[in-house]
Amino acid sequence: QVQLVESGGGLVQAGGSLRLSCAASGLTFSSYAMGWFRQAPGKEREFVAAINWSGGRILYADSGKGRFTISRDNDKKTVYLQMNGLKPEDTAVYYCAASEHLSLTPPSDWAYTYWGQGTQVTVSS
């Protein structure tokens, strides 16, 4: 069975950094585009960043441009989200997801087949 397991969340002060990881198993990782989404309390899930199968195509939501960096290591079957300059409004549960649209960077959650359980990121002011 496919599993996506996020880690690296936690509590950080505004301006700080976190690096999220998402380890995949049960799928051919290099055959999937990967994405990060987040959901804050009382809000809808929103797109954060996506990376295609090779890492050659990347897309960021405006909210994270210049602060967040998505990357992947196909040998380790892991996708990362480096978050710098964190703001209180970045507080949310962060989810990774796998999309069969391997060459693309889908910003819509309907394009993703598999989802992790999420990791909490809390940014204090």
Protein backbone atom coordinates (compact mmCIF):
# COMPACT_ATOMS: atom_id res chain seq x y z
CA GLN A 1 0.00 0.00 0.00
CA VAL A 2 1.08 3.53 -0.67
CA GLN A 3 2.24 5.58 2.27
CA LEU A 4 3.32 9.20 2.43
CA VAL A 5 4.71 10.17 5.80
CA GLU A 6 5.42 13.80 6.61
CA SER A 7 7.83 14.95 9.28
CA GLY A 8 9.64 18.08 10.37
CA GLY A 9 6.75 20.17 11.59
CA GLY A 10 6.76 21.96 14.91
CA LEU A 11 6.59 25.26 16.73
CA VAL A 12 8.80 28.08 15.52
CA GLN A 13 8.96 31.80 16.06
CA ALA A 14 8.15 34.22 13.29
CA GLY A 15 11.13 34.61 11.01
CA GLY A 16 12.34 31.12 11.71
CA SER A 17 12.77 28.12 9.42
CA LEU A 18 11.54 24.58 9.16
CA ARG A 19 12.27 21.79 6.72
CA LEU A 20 9.45 19.40 6.06
CA SER A 21 10.10 15.95 4.66
CA CYS A 22 7.73 13.48 3.06
CA ALA A 23 8.90 9.90 2.72
CA ALA A 24 7.07 7.76 0.20
CA SER A 25 6.70 4.01 0.02
CA GLY A 26 4.63 1.56 -1.99
CA LEU A 27 4.86 3.51 -5.23
CA THR A 28 7.38 4.22 -7.96
CA PHE A 29 8.30 7.60 -6.59
CA SER A 30 9.97 8.89 -9.74
CA SER A 31 6.73 8.32 -11.65
CA TYR A 32 4.86 10.92 -9.65
CA ALA A 33 4.79 14.64 -9.35
CA MET A 34 4.72 15.71 -5.72
CA GLY A 35 2.96 18.56 -4.05
CA TRP A 36 2.65 20.28 -0.71
CA PHE A 37 -0.65 21.67 0.53
CA ARG A 38 -1.70 23.18 3.82
CA GLN A 39 -4.88 23.69 5.77
CA ALA A 40 -5.33 26.22 8.53
CA PRO A 41 -8.14 25.94 11.08
CA GLY A 42 -11.43 27.00 9.58
CA LYS A 43 -9.97 27.37 6.11
CA GLU A 44 -9.92 25.30 2.97
CA ARG A 45 -6.87 23.31 1.98
CA GLU A 46 -4.60 25.37 -0.22
CA PHE A 47 -1.74 24.70 -2.59
CA VAL A 48 1.78 25.50 -1.43
CA ALA A 49 4.22 24.06 -3.97
CA ALA A 50 4.66 21.27 -6.49
CA ILE A 51 7.54 19.58 -8.28
CA ASN A 52 7.47 17.31 -11.29
CA TRP A 53 9.04 13.88 -11.41
CA SER A 54 12.53 15.06 -12.32
CA GLY A 55 12.60 18.27 -10.31
CA GLY A 56 12.92 20.22 -13.53
CA ARG A 57 9.58 21.92 -13.17
CA ILE A 58 8.47 23.66 -9.99
CA LEU A 59 5.49 25.78 -9.07
CA TYR A 60 4.89 27.86 -5.96
CA ALA A 61 1.83 29.55 -4.61
CA ASP A 62 2.29 33.31 -4.31
CA SER A 63 2.22 32.95 -0.53
CA GLY A 64 5.47 31.03 -0.50
CA LYS A 65 7.45 32.53 -3.36
CA GLY A 66 10.87 33.65 -2.22
CA ARG A 67 10.49 31.94 1.15
CA PHE A 68 9.74 28.28 0.41
CA THR A 69 11.79 25.80 -1.62
CA ILE A 70 10.51 22.43 -2.76
CA SER A 71 12.94 19.70 -3.75
CA ARG A 72 13.02 15.95 -4.13
CA ASP A 73 15.43 13.06 -3.93
CA ASN A 74 14.18 10.19 -6.05
CA ASP A 75 16.77 7.80 -4.68
CA LYS A 76 15.49 8.45 -1.16
CA LYS A 77 11.86 8.62 -2.30
CA THR A 78 11.50 11.85 -0.39
CA VAL A 79 10.20 15.31 -1.14
CA TYR A 80 11.17 18.31 0.95
CA LEU A 81 9.78 21.73 1.69
CA GLN A 82 12.28 24.21 3.09
CA MET A 83 10.42 27.09 4.69
CA ASN A 84 12.26 30.26 5.63
CA GLY A 85 11.01 33.55 6.95
CA LEU A 86 7.98 31.90 8.48
CA LYS A 87 5.00 34.05 9.38
CA PRO A 88 2.11 33.39 11.77
CA GLU A 89 -0.18 33.07 8.76
CA ASP A 90 1.85 30.03 7.68
CA THR A 91 0.42 28.15 10.65
CA ALA A 92 -1.40 25.09 9.30
CA VAL A 93 -1.27 21.37 8.88
CA TYR A 94 0.98 20.65 5.92
CA TYR A 95 0.28 17.70 3.66
CA CYS A 96 2.30 16.11 0.91
CA ALA A 97 0.60 14.45 -2.01
CA ALA A 98 1.50 12.40 -5.07
CA SER A 99 0.11 13.04 -8.53
CA GLU A 100 0.16 10.70 -11.51
CA HIS A 101 0.60 13.76 -13.73
CA LEU A 102 4.32 13.20 -13.39
CA SER A 103 5.50 15.84 -15.87
CA LEU A 104 3.34 18.60 -14.45
CA THR A 105 3.09 20.65 -11.26
CA PRO A 106 -0.62 20.52 -10.49
CA PRO A 107 -1.85 23.24 -8.11
CA SER A 108 -5.25 21.59 -7.63
CA ASP A 109 -5.82 18.93 -5.02
CA TRP A 110 -8.07 16.92 -7.32
CA ALA A 111 -4.99 16.07 -9.41
CA TYR A 112 -3.40 14.16 -6.55
CA THR A 113 -4.04 10.51 -5.88
CA TYR A 114 -2.23 9.85 -2.63
CA TRP A 115 -2.01 11.98 0.51
CA GLY A 116 -0.07 11.93 3.72
CA GLN A 117 -1.54 12.40 7.17
CA GLY A 118 -0.05 15.85 7.62
CA THR A 119 2.36 17.56 9.97
CA GLN A 120 1.51 20.58 12.11
CA VAL A 121 3.42 23.80 11.63
CA THR A 122 2.82 26.54 14.17
CA VAL A 123 4.44 29.94 13.87
CA SER A 124 4.28 32.18 16.89
CA SER A 125 4.42 35.96 16.66
